[in-house]
Protein backbone atom coordinates (compact mmCIF):
# COMPACT_ATOMS: atom_id res chain seq x y z
CA MET A 1 -4.64 16.87 10.53
CA ALA A 2 -1.41 18.01 11.23
CA VAL A 3 1.42 17.52 9.13
CA PRO A 4 4.96 16.68 10.92
CA SER A 5 7.77 18.67 9.55
CA ILE A 6 11.44 17.26 8.20
CA PRO A 7 14.18 19.99 8.35
CA LEU A 8 15.29 20.95 4.94
CA ALA A 9 12.44 19.41 3.22
CA VAL A 10 9.36 20.74 1.42
CA ARG A 11 5.89 18.85 1.44
CA ARG A 12 4.08 18.63 -1.83
CA GLN A 13 1.44 16.49 -3.37
CA ILE A 14 2.81 14.51 -6.53
CA GLU A 15 0.50 12.76 -8.89
CA THR A 16 1.81 9.33 -9.71
CA ASN A 17 0.26 6.11 -10.82
CA GLY A 18 -3.20 7.37 -10.96
CA ILE A 19 -3.10 8.37 -7.26
CA ARG A 20 -1.63 11.53 -5.45
CA LEU A 21 1.46 10.86 -2.91
CA ALA A 22 2.21 13.21 -0.19
CA CYS A 23 6.28 13.73 -0.32
CA TYR A 24 8.96 15.25 1.31
CA GLU A 25 11.73 16.82 -1.03
CA ALA A 26 15.01 17.95 -0.28
CA GLY A 27 18.43 18.43 -1.69
CA PRO A 28 19.69 19.82 -5.04
CA SER A 29 17.51 18.92 -7.97
CA ASP A 30 20.61 17.69 -9.88
CA GLY A 31 22.06 15.66 -7.28
CA PRO A 32 21.80 11.70 -7.33
CA CYS A 33 17.95 10.94 -6.61
CA VAL A 34 17.29 8.56 -3.63
CA VAL A 35 13.78 7.38 -2.71
CA LEU A 36 13.03 6.32 0.88
CA SER A 37 10.27 3.80 1.41
CA HIS A 38 8.68 3.28 4.85
CA GLY A 39 7.70 0.53 6.52
CA PHE A 40 4.51 -0.49 8.76
CA PRO A 41 2.80 1.49 10.74
CA GLU A 42 5.05 4.38 9.78
CA LEU A 43 5.07 7.44 7.53
CA ALA A 44 7.71 9.27 5.63
CA PHE A 45 8.42 11.11 8.97
CA SER A 46 10.06 7.80 10.02
CA TRP A 47 12.87 9.54 7.89
CA ARG A 48 13.22 12.35 9.19
CA HIS A 49 16.85 12.21 10.45
CA GLN A 50 17.90 10.97 7.05
CA VAL A 51 16.38 13.35 4.83
CA PRO A 52 18.42 16.51 5.83
CA ALA A 53 21.62 14.08 6.07
CA LEU A 54 21.26 13.18 2.23
CA ALA A 55 20.20 16.13 1.14
CA LEU A 56 23.09 18.36 2.84
CA ALA A 57 25.52 15.66 1.26
CA GLY A 58 23.93 16.59 -2.31
CA TYR A 59 21.44 14.10 -2.82
CA HIS A 60 18.09 14.88 -4.05
CA VAL A 61 15.65 12.99 -1.77
CA LEU A 62 12.12 11.88 -2.14
CA ALA A 63 10.23 10.62 1.11
CA PRO A 64 6.69 9.60 0.49
CA ASP A 65 3.62 8.68 2.55
CA GLN A 66 3.17 6.05 0.45
CA ARG A 67 -0.12 4.53 -0.75
CA GLY A 68 -2.37 4.31 2.22
CA TYR A 69 -0.53 6.32 4.46
CA GLY A 70 -0.75 10.01 5.92
CA GLY A 71 -1.33 12.53 3.44
CA SER A 72 -1.53 10.39 0.42
CA ASP A 73 -4.43 8.50 -0.97
CA ARG A 74 -6.23 5.80 0.20
CA PRO A 75 -7.72 3.44 -2.33
CA THR A 76 -10.79 1.21 -1.17
CA GLU A 77 -9.87 -2.12 -2.78
CA VAL A 78 -7.37 -4.29 -1.39
CA THR A 79 -6.04 -5.12 -4.90
CA ASP A 80 -5.16 -1.66 -5.07
CA TYR A 81 -2.11 -2.40 -2.88
CA ASP A 82 -0.47 -5.29 -4.29
CA ILE A 83 3.46 -4.92 -5.42
CA PHE A 84 2.58 -3.98 -8.96
CA HIS A 85 1.07 -0.65 -7.31
CA LEU A 86 3.28 -0.17 -4.58
CA THR A 87 6.40 -0.19 -7.01
CA GLY A 88 4.66 1.80 -9.69
CA ASP A 89 3.79 4.64 -7.33
CA LEU A 90 7.52 5.15 -6.90
CA THR A 91 8.36 4.92 -10.57
CA GLY A 92 5.69 7.39 -10.96
CA LEU A 93 7.48 9.63 -8.63
CA LEU A 94 10.87 9.84 -10.98
CA ASP A 95 8.48 10.37 -13.74
CA ALA A 96 6.96 13.49 -11.91
CA ILE A 97 10.35 14.92 -11.22
CA GLY A 98 11.95 14.39 -14.77
CA VAL A 99 14.50 11.65 -13.11
CA GLU A 100 15.64 8.41 -15.13
CA ARG A 101 16.83 6.59 -12.06
CA ALA A 102 17.16 6.23 -8.22
CA VAL A 103 18.49 4.63 -5.58
CA PHE A 104 15.72 2.96 -3.43
CA ALA A 105 15.81 2.70 0.32
CA GLY A 106 13.67 0.88 2.38
CA HIS A 107 12.68 -0.16 5.89
CA ASP A 108 10.42 -2.91 7.01
CA TRP A 109 7.63 -3.64 4.45
CA GLY A 110 9.11 -0.90 2.72
CA GLY A 111 12.51 -2.67 2.14
CA LEU A 112 10.18 -5.34 0.42
CA VAL A 113 9.14 -3.05 -2.16
CA VAL A 114 12.42 -1.69 -3.03
CA TRP A 115 13.89 -5.26 -3.57
CA GLN A 116 11.00 -5.52 -5.90
CA GLN A 117 11.28 -2.42 -7.42
CA ALA A 118 14.79 -3.65 -8.63
CA LEU A 119 12.88 -6.70 -10.30
CA LEU A 120 9.91 -4.84 -11.65
CA HIS A 121 11.46 -1.86 -13.04
CA PRO A 122 15.14 -2.37 -13.41
CA SER A 123 15.67 0.14 -15.86
CA ARG A 124 14.55 2.89 -13.10
CA VAL A 125 16.62 1.74 -10.33
CA ALA A 126 20.23 2.57 -9.97
CA GLY A 127 20.90 0.97 -6.66
CA VAL A 128 19.09 -0.56 -3.44
CA ILE A 129 19.61 -0.03 0.10
CA GLY A 130 17.67 -2.73 2.68
CA VAL A 131 17.14 -1.23 6.18
CA ASN A 132 16.40 -4.39 8.43
CA THR A 133 14.57 -6.00 5.54
CA PRO A 134 16.84 -8.35 3.62
CA PHE A 135 16.05 -9.79 -0.35
CA PHE A 136 13.90 -12.84 -0.13
CA PRO A 137 13.94 -15.19 -3.26
CA ARG A 138 10.72 -15.98 -4.22
CA PHE A 139 8.91 -18.60 -1.81
CA PRO A 140 8.07 -22.10 -3.04
CA MET A 141 4.55 -21.77 -1.78
CA ALA A 142 2.23 -19.14 -1.13
CA PRO A 143 3.45 -16.90 1.87
CA THR A 144 0.43 -17.38 4.14
CA GLU A 145 1.02 -21.24 3.98
CA ILE A 146 4.66 -20.45 4.99
CA PHE A 147 3.40 -17.96 7.76
CA ARG A 148 0.94 -21.06 9.01
CA LEU A 149 3.74 -23.42 9.04
CA THR A 150 6.34 -21.18 11.07
CA GLY A 151 3.59 -19.66 13.24
CA GLY A 152 0.37 -21.47 13.23
CA ASP A 153 -2.88 -20.46 12.77
CA ASN A 154 -2.18 -17.63 15.32
CA HIS A 155 0.53 -15.92 13.05
CA TYR A 156 0.04 -12.22 13.68
CA ILE A 157 0.09 -11.72 9.31
CA LEU A 158 -2.73 -14.35 9.25
CA TYR A 159 -4.61 -12.32 11.89
CA PHE A 160 -4.20 -9.55 9.53
CA GLN A 161 -5.47 -11.04 6.45
CA GLU A 162 -9.31 -10.29 7.75
CA PRO A 163 -10.34 -6.97 6.84
CA GLY A 164 -11.59 -4.74 9.37
CA VAL A 165 -10.43 -6.92 12.22
CA ALA A 166 -6.79 -5.91 13.39
CA ASP A 167 -7.73 -2.23 11.99
CA ALA A 168 -10.38 -1.59 14.74
CA ALA A 169 -8.01 -3.07 17.10
CA LEU A 170 -5.28 -1.26 16.40
CA ALA A 171 -7.39 2.06 15.86
CA SER A 172 -8.91 1.56 19.46
CA ASP A 173 -6.11 3.47 21.08
CA VAL A 174 -3.61 4.71 18.54
CA ARG A 175 -1.28 6.47 21.16
CA ALA A 176 -0.82 3.03 22.88
CA VAL A 177 0.01 1.69 19.37
CA PHE A 178 2.82 3.82 18.98
CA SER A 179 4.17 4.55 22.66
CA ARG A 180 4.24 0.59 23.07
CA LEU A 181 5.44 -0.58 19.64
CA MET A 182 8.04 1.95 18.92
CA ARG A 183 10.51 1.55 21.61
CA ARG A 184 14.63 0.80 21.66
CA GLY A 185 15.83 -2.91 20.67
CA VAL A 186 16.68 -5.19 23.86
CA PRO A 187 18.91 -7.97 23.97
CA PRO A 188 17.54 -11.39 22.32
CA LYS A 189 17.06 -12.85 26.21
CA GLU A 190 14.62 -10.35 26.67
CA ILE A 191 12.66 -10.73 23.07
CA SER A 192 10.32 -13.27 24.69
CA ALA A 193 8.43 -10.31 26.53
CA MET A 194 8.61 -7.98 23.68
CA PRO A 195 5.00 -6.33 23.04
CA VAL A 196 4.95 -7.55 19.60
CA GLY A 197 4.55 -11.40 19.03
CA ALA A 198 3.57 -13.62 16.18
CA ASP A 199 -0.15 -14.46 17.41
CA ARG A 200 -3.74 -13.51 16.86
CA ASN A 201 -3.76 -11.34 20.07
CA TRP A 202 -1.07 -9.00 18.33
CA ALA A 203 -2.99 -5.63 18.51
CA GLN A 204 -4.33 -6.26 22.32
CA ALA A 205 -0.29 -7.55 23.03
CA VAL A 206 0.60 -4.23 21.55
CA GLN A 207 -1.51 -2.24 23.51
CA GLN A 208 -1.56 -4.00 26.96
CA GLY A 209 1.38 -6.03 26.99
CA ALA A 210 4.52 -5.53 29.24
CA LEU A 211 6.76 -2.58 28.23
CA VAL A 212 10.16 -3.88 27.21
CA GLY A 213 13.03 -1.38 25.96
CA GLU A 214 13.00 2.35 26.61
CA ALA A 215 10.69 4.57 24.59
CA LEU A 216 12.04 5.79 21.40
CA LEU A 217 9.76 8.61 20.72
CA GLY A 218 9.59 11.80 22.27
CA ASP A 219 6.59 13.56 23.00
CA ALA A 220 6.44 15.72 19.73
CA GLU A 221 7.10 12.57 17.75
CA LEU A 222 4.69 10.47 19.19
CA GLU A 223 1.75 13.17 19.13
CA ALA A 224 3.28 13.23 15.42
CA TYR A 225 2.02 9.48 14.50
CA ALA A 226 -1.04 9.20 16.81
CA GLU A 227 -2.57 12.41 15.11
CA VAL A 228 -2.02 11.46 11.45
CA PHE A 229 -3.28 7.58 12.46
CA GLU A 230 -6.25 8.92 14.11
CA HIS A 231 -7.32 10.76 11.18
CA THR A 232 -6.54 7.70 8.59
CA GLY A 233 -6.69 4.39 10.67
CA PHE A 234 -4.65 1.66 9.94
CA THR A 235 -6.47 -0.04 6.78
CA GLY A 236 -4.34 1.35 4.02
CA GLY A 237 -0.99 -0.67 5.43
CA LEU A 238 -2.83 -3.54 6.57
CA ASN A 239 -3.91 -3.91 2.98
CA TRP A 240 -0.20 -4.25 2.05
CA TYR A 241 -0.39 -7.76 4.33
CA ARG A 242 -3.38 -8.92 2.58
CA ASN A 243 -1.74 -9.15 -0.86
CA PHE A 244 1.09 -11.55 0.09
CA ASP A 245 -0.50 -14.40 -1.74
CA ARG A 246 -1.56 -12.10 -4.55
CA ASN A 247 1.83 -10.83 -5.02
CA TRP A 248 3.39 -14.34 -5.08
CA GLU A 249 0.67 -15.26 -7.58
CA LEU A 250 1.49 -13.00 -10.02
CA THR A 251 5.18 -13.21 -10.17
CA PRO A 252 6.09 -16.79 -11.05
CA GLU A 253 8.69 -15.16 -13.52
CA GLN A 254 10.74 -14.37 -10.02
CA ASP A 255 11.82 -17.92 -9.27
CA GLY A 256 15.65 -17.53 -9.14
CA ALA A 257 15.53 -14.11 -10.11
CA ARG A 258 18.84 -11.76 -9.24
CA ILE A 259 19.40 -8.11 -8.61
CA GLU A 260 22.18 -6.79 -10.76
CA VAL A 261 22.49 -3.46 -9.31
CA PRO A 262 24.72 -2.18 -6.49
CA CYS A 263 23.08 -3.03 -3.24
CA LEU A 264 23.81 -2.36 0.72
CA MET A 265 22.26 -4.30 3.35
CA VAL A 266 22.15 -3.27 7.13
CA THR A 267 21.01 -5.35 9.55
CA ALA A 268 20.15 -4.44 13.19
CA GLU A 269 21.41 -6.73 15.90
CA TRP A 270 18.42 -6.73 18.33
CA ASP A 271 15.88 -6.72 15.50
CA PRO A 272 13.34 -9.63 16.58
CA VAL A 273 11.35 -9.37 13.60
CA LEU A 274 14.25 -9.05 10.80
CA THR A 275 17.19 -10.53 12.23
CA PRO A 276 20.54 -10.50 10.77
CA ALA A 277 20.50 -14.15 10.42
CA MET A 278 17.83 -13.32 7.64
CA ALA A 279 20.25 -11.64 5.49
CA GLN A 280 22.72 -14.46 5.31
CA GLY A 281 21.32 -16.19 1.92
CA MET A 282 21.27 -12.99 0.09
CA ALA A 283 24.46 -13.41 -1.76
CA PRO A 284 22.88 -15.86 -4.45
CA PHE A 285 20.69 -13.39 -5.31
CA VAL A 286 22.39 -10.08 -5.38
CA ALA A 287 25.05 -9.88 -7.59
CA ASP A 288 26.95 -6.57 -5.97
CA LEU A 289 26.31 -6.64 -1.84
CA GLU A 290 27.71 -5.00 0.88
CA THR A 291 26.47 -5.77 4.35
CA HIS A 292 26.94 -3.84 7.69
CA MET A 293 25.49 -4.90 11.09
CA ILE A 294 24.23 -1.83 13.54
CA ASP A 295 25.11 -3.06 17.11
CA ARG A 296 22.40 -2.72 19.52
CA CYS A 297 19.84 -1.75 17.40
CA GLY A 298 16.28 -3.02 17.27
CA HIS A 299 13.84 -2.95 14.45
CA TRP A 300 13.33 0.95 14.15
CA THR A 301 16.52 1.39 12.73
CA GLN A 302 16.29 4.81 11.16
CA GLN A 303 14.95 6.40 14.12
CA GLU A 304 16.90 4.63 16.75
CA GLN A 305 20.29 4.51 15.85
CA PRO A 306 20.21 7.54 13.01
CA ASP A 307 23.95 8.67 13.22
CA GLN A 308 24.92 5.32 12.31
CA LEU A 309 22.42 4.53 9.56
CA ASN A 310 23.44 7.94 8.13
CA ARG A 311 27.01 7.07 8.44
CA LEU A 312 26.70 3.97 6.65
CA MET A 313 24.23 5.13 3.68
CA LEU A 314 26.53 8.21 2.76
CA ASP A 315 29.74 5.90 2.86
CA TRP A 316 28.10 3.81 0.57
CA LEU A 317 26.51 6.22 -1.83
CA GLY A 318 29.75 8.67 -1.64
CA ARG A 319 31.44 5.52 -3.06
CA ARG A 320 28.85 4.29 -5.38
CA PHE A 321 26.98 7.22 -6.46
CA PRO A 322 28.77 10.06 -5.54
CA ALA A 323 27.01 13.71 -5.23
CA ALA A 324 28.87 16.92 -6.67
CA ARG A 325 28.86 18.24 -3.20
């Protein structure tokens, strides 16, 4: 399996939380630490535009292929992917490099992880950056029940729950998944034709549905994703979804919980999955919150509008956690 490169970063294996994570590391070791958490179905490679920008600004950057992804370990049990394992992995990264606290930035599923990082490991979190994914307070009922109420039995997250089904469908044509799924955002009026729907035919829609929006990945980038996922499959990432209810059941103390560290929330105007409106209810639960929206941007923000995201992140970091250079 070829390892995609990221400018200015070295790739290393880090022992953490009982597993090994493949991690890109860049920037001065004495700079403020920033940990980048990717989503589904992505890799640390998704942060290829942010890693060098942060490193050049004086930040010590860690971007792991997270548990179940890429060059990192892929445990076999579904319960090995609950939120305690996922946040424990990121805390273990800090232990491995001798850093007490970091700013954690996350996109998509990685956003859910970094918001939980602030609740489950508050002493290790200096700040949080949510990219597209807002902080969600603890649901009043099991998440799968809410998904069923909002999307019916055909909701795609319910489809993801059965081990082996979505795994096989997505793995049957990996290049189609990435060439069709990772596309630039379109205005809301065109969203109904997007190849991502809340239905049980999600994988088929991604592979065979009408193409909407311009292709996001160049040939080399598409090959980087495809080669890795052809080797690893999608089961590791799908297992994160299979812990939604478990995570909820194990965290009853989070009812009404607040995040007290400085936080930046970056929304994307045209994200059909994590809409800007979803971030409007964060203020009562996040004590120190700054919010910005990137116009004309879809779901894959750090790859679609990297310059704008870098500018927002660096401006906020520079004011709240300034680097020496």
